[in-house]
Amino acid sequence: MQLYLVEKFDTGPDGLKSMQAFINEKAAEGYALVQAVPRNTYHWVLFFKREAEASA
């Protein structure tokens, strides 16, 4: 797995509830959210880091 992961995310009309579900999926894969950057109304860029390195 990569040390860092950058994902574009569109929350759509479901709002942040769908983003939280996506973040939970990535956590299950071993990634911790580092930063969420809003781009416009529904679009975000999410930055993840491998959990082992994130806690170091």
N, C-alpha and C. Protein backbone atom coordinates (compact mmCIF):
# COMPACT_ATOMS: atom_id res chain seq x y z
N MET A 1 0.84 -1.19 0.00
CA MET A 1 0.00 0.00 0.00
C MET A 1 0.88 1.25 0.00
N GLN A 2 0.31 2.30 -0.50
CA GLN A 2 1.02 3.57 -0.56
C GLN A 2 1.06 4.22 0.81
N LEU A 3 2.08 5.05 1.06
CA LEU A 3 2.18 5.77 2.32
C LEU A 3 1.11 6.84 2.41
N TYR A 4 0.89 7.56 1.30
CA TYR A 4 -0.14 8.60 1.26
C TYR A 4 -1.16 8.26 0.18
N LEU A 5 -2.37 8.74 0.37
CA LEU A 5 -3.44 8.52 -0.59
C LEU A 5 -4.21 9.83 -0.72
N VAL A 6 -4.42 10.30 -1.94
CA VAL A 6 -5.19 11.51 -2.19
C VAL A 6 -6.41 11.10 -3.01
N GLU A 7 -7.59 11.45 -2.50
CA GLU A 7 -8.84 11.08 -3.16
C GLU A 7 -9.71 12.31 -3.37
N LYS A 8 -10.22 12.46 -4.58
CA LYS A 8 -11.25 13.47 -4.84
C LYS A 8 -12.56 12.86 -4.40
N PHE A 9 -13.42 13.66 -3.77
CA PHE A 9 -14.68 13.13 -3.27
C PHE A 9 -15.80 14.12 -3.53
N ASP A 10 -16.92 13.60 -3.99
CA ASP A 10 -18.12 14.39 -4.25
C ASP A 10 -19.20 13.93 -3.27
N THR A 11 -19.56 14.78 -2.32
CA THR A 11 -20.56 14.40 -1.32
C THR A 11 -21.96 14.31 -1.90
N GLY A 12 -22.22 15.08 -2.95
CA GLY A 12 -23.54 15.06 -3.55
C GLY A 12 -24.60 15.52 -2.56
N PRO A 13 -25.85 15.23 -2.84
CA PRO A 13 -26.93 15.71 -1.98
C PRO A 13 -26.97 15.02 -0.61
N ASP A 14 -26.26 13.88 -0.43
CA ASP A 14 -26.24 13.21 0.87
C ASP A 14 -25.39 13.94 1.89
N GLY A 15 -24.58 14.88 1.43
CA GLY A 15 -23.78 15.69 2.33
C GLY A 15 -22.65 14.92 2.99
N LEU A 16 -22.27 15.38 4.17
CA LEU A 16 -21.10 14.83 4.86
C LEU A 16 -21.30 13.42 5.37
N LYS A 17 -22.53 12.96 5.43
CA LYS A 17 -22.80 11.59 5.87
C LYS A 17 -22.12 10.58 4.93
N SER A 18 -22.18 10.83 3.63
CA SER A 18 -21.52 9.93 2.68
C SER A 18 -20.01 10.04 2.78
N MET A 19 -19.49 11.24 3.10
CA MET A 19 -18.05 11.39 3.26
C MET A 19 -17.57 10.61 4.48
N GLN A 20 -18.33 10.63 5.56
CA GLN A 20 -17.94 9.89 6.76
C GLN A 20 -17.88 8.39 6.47
N ALA A 21 -18.83 7.89 5.70
CA ALA A 21 -18.82 6.47 5.32
C ALA A 21 -17.57 6.15 4.50
N PHE A 22 -17.19 7.04 3.59
CA PHE A 22 -15.99 6.84 2.76
C PHE A 22 -14.73 6.85 3.63
N ILE A 23 -14.66 7.78 4.57
CA ILE A 23 -13.51 7.86 5.49
C ILE A 23 -13.41 6.58 6.32
N ASN A 24 -14.55 6.06 6.75
CA ASN A 24 -14.56 4.80 7.51
C ASN A 24 -14.05 3.64 6.66
N GLU A 25 -14.42 3.61 5.39
CA GLU A 25 -13.93 2.56 4.48
C GLU A 25 -12.40 2.63 4.35
N LYS A 26 -11.87 3.83 4.20
CA LYS A 26 -10.42 4.00 4.07
C LYS A 26 -9.73 3.62 5.38
N ALA A 27 -10.34 3.92 6.52
CA ALA A 27 -9.77 3.53 7.82
C ALA A 27 -9.68 2.01 7.92
N ALA A 28 -10.69 1.32 7.40
CA ALA A 28 -10.67 -0.14 7.41
C ALA A 28 -9.55 -0.69 6.53
N GLU A 29 -9.12 0.10 5.54
CA GLU A 29 -8.02 -0.30 4.66
C GLU A 29 -6.66 0.10 5.25
N GLY A 30 -6.66 0.76 6.41
CA GLY A 30 -5.41 1.12 7.06
C GLY A 30 -4.97 2.56 6.88
N TYR A 31 -5.85 3.43 6.42
CA TYR A 31 -5.52 4.84 6.21
C TYR A 31 -6.22 5.73 7.22
N ALA A 32 -5.52 6.76 7.68
CA ALA A 32 -6.10 7.75 8.58
C ALA A 32 -6.25 9.06 7.82
N LEU A 33 -7.37 9.73 8.01
CA LEU A 33 -7.59 11.02 7.36
C LEU A 33 -6.64 12.05 7.97
N VAL A 34 -5.94 12.78 7.11
CA VAL A 34 -5.03 13.82 7.56
C VAL A 34 -5.67 15.19 7.37
N GLN A 35 -6.31 15.38 6.20
CA GLN A 35 -6.88 16.68 5.90
C GLN A 35 -7.98 16.53 4.86
N ALA A 36 -9.02 17.36 5.01
CA ALA A 36 -10.10 17.44 4.03
C ALA A 36 -10.16 18.88 3.54
N VAL A 37 -9.97 19.07 2.25
CA VAL A 37 -9.94 20.41 1.67
C VAL A 37 -11.17 20.61 0.79
N PRO A 38 -12.03 21.59 1.13
CA PRO A 38 -13.19 21.84 0.28
C PRO A 38 -12.78 22.53 -1.01
N ARG A 39 -13.36 22.08 -2.13
CA ARG A 39 -13.08 22.69 -3.42
C ARG A 39 -14.24 23.59 -3.86
N ASN A 40 -15.45 23.12 -3.70
CA ASN A 40 -16.65 23.93 -3.91
C ASN A 40 -17.80 23.23 -3.19
N THR A 41 -19.03 23.52 -3.50
CA THR A 41 -20.18 23.05 -2.72
C THR A 41 -20.14 21.58 -2.35
N TYR A 42 -19.98 20.70 -3.31
CA TYR A 42 -20.02 19.26 -3.01
C TYR A 42 -18.67 18.56 -3.17
N HIS A 43 -17.66 19.24 -3.66
CA HIS A 43 -16.39 18.58 -3.99
C HIS A 43 -15.32 18.84 -2.94
N TRP A 44 -14.61 17.77 -2.58
CA TRP A 44 -13.56 17.82 -1.58
C TRP A 44 -12.34 17.06 -2.10
N VAL A 45 -11.18 17.36 -1.54
CA VAL A 45 -9.98 16.55 -1.75
C VAL A 45 -9.58 16.04 -0.37
N LEU A 46 -9.48 14.72 -0.23
CA LEU A 46 -9.18 14.09 1.04
C LEU A 46 -7.77 13.53 1.01
N PHE A 47 -7.00 13.83 2.05
CA PHE A 47 -5.62 13.35 2.16
C PHE A 47 -5.56 12.33 3.29
N PHE A 48 -5.05 11.16 2.98
CA PHE A 48 -4.93 10.06 3.94
C PHE A 48 -3.47 9.67 4.08
N LYS A 49 -3.14 9.10 5.24
CA LYS A 49 -1.80 8.56 5.48
C LYS A 49 -1.97 7.20 6.13
N ARG A 50 -1.07 6.28 5.82
CA ARG A 50 -1.12 4.96 6.44
C ARG A 50 -1.13 5.12 7.96
N GLU A 51 -2.01 4.41 8.66
CA GLU A 51 -2.17 4.58 10.10
C GLU A 51 -0.91 4.31 10.88
N ALA A 52 -0.13 3.31 10.51
CA ALA A 52 1.10 2.98 11.25
C ALA A 52 2.04 4.19 11.27
N GLU A 53 2.18 4.87 10.15
CA GLU A 53 3.04 6.05 10.08
C GLU A 53 2.37 7.28 10.67
N ALA A 54 1.03 7.35 10.61
CA ALA A 54 0.31 8.51 11.13
C ALA A 54 0.43 8.60 12.64
N SER A 55 0.54 7.46 13.34
CA SER A 55 0.62 7.47 14.79
C SER A 55 2.05 7.61 15.29
N ALA A 56 3.02 7.55 14.38
CA ALA A 56 4.44 7.64 14.78
C ALA A 56 4.86 9.07 15.01
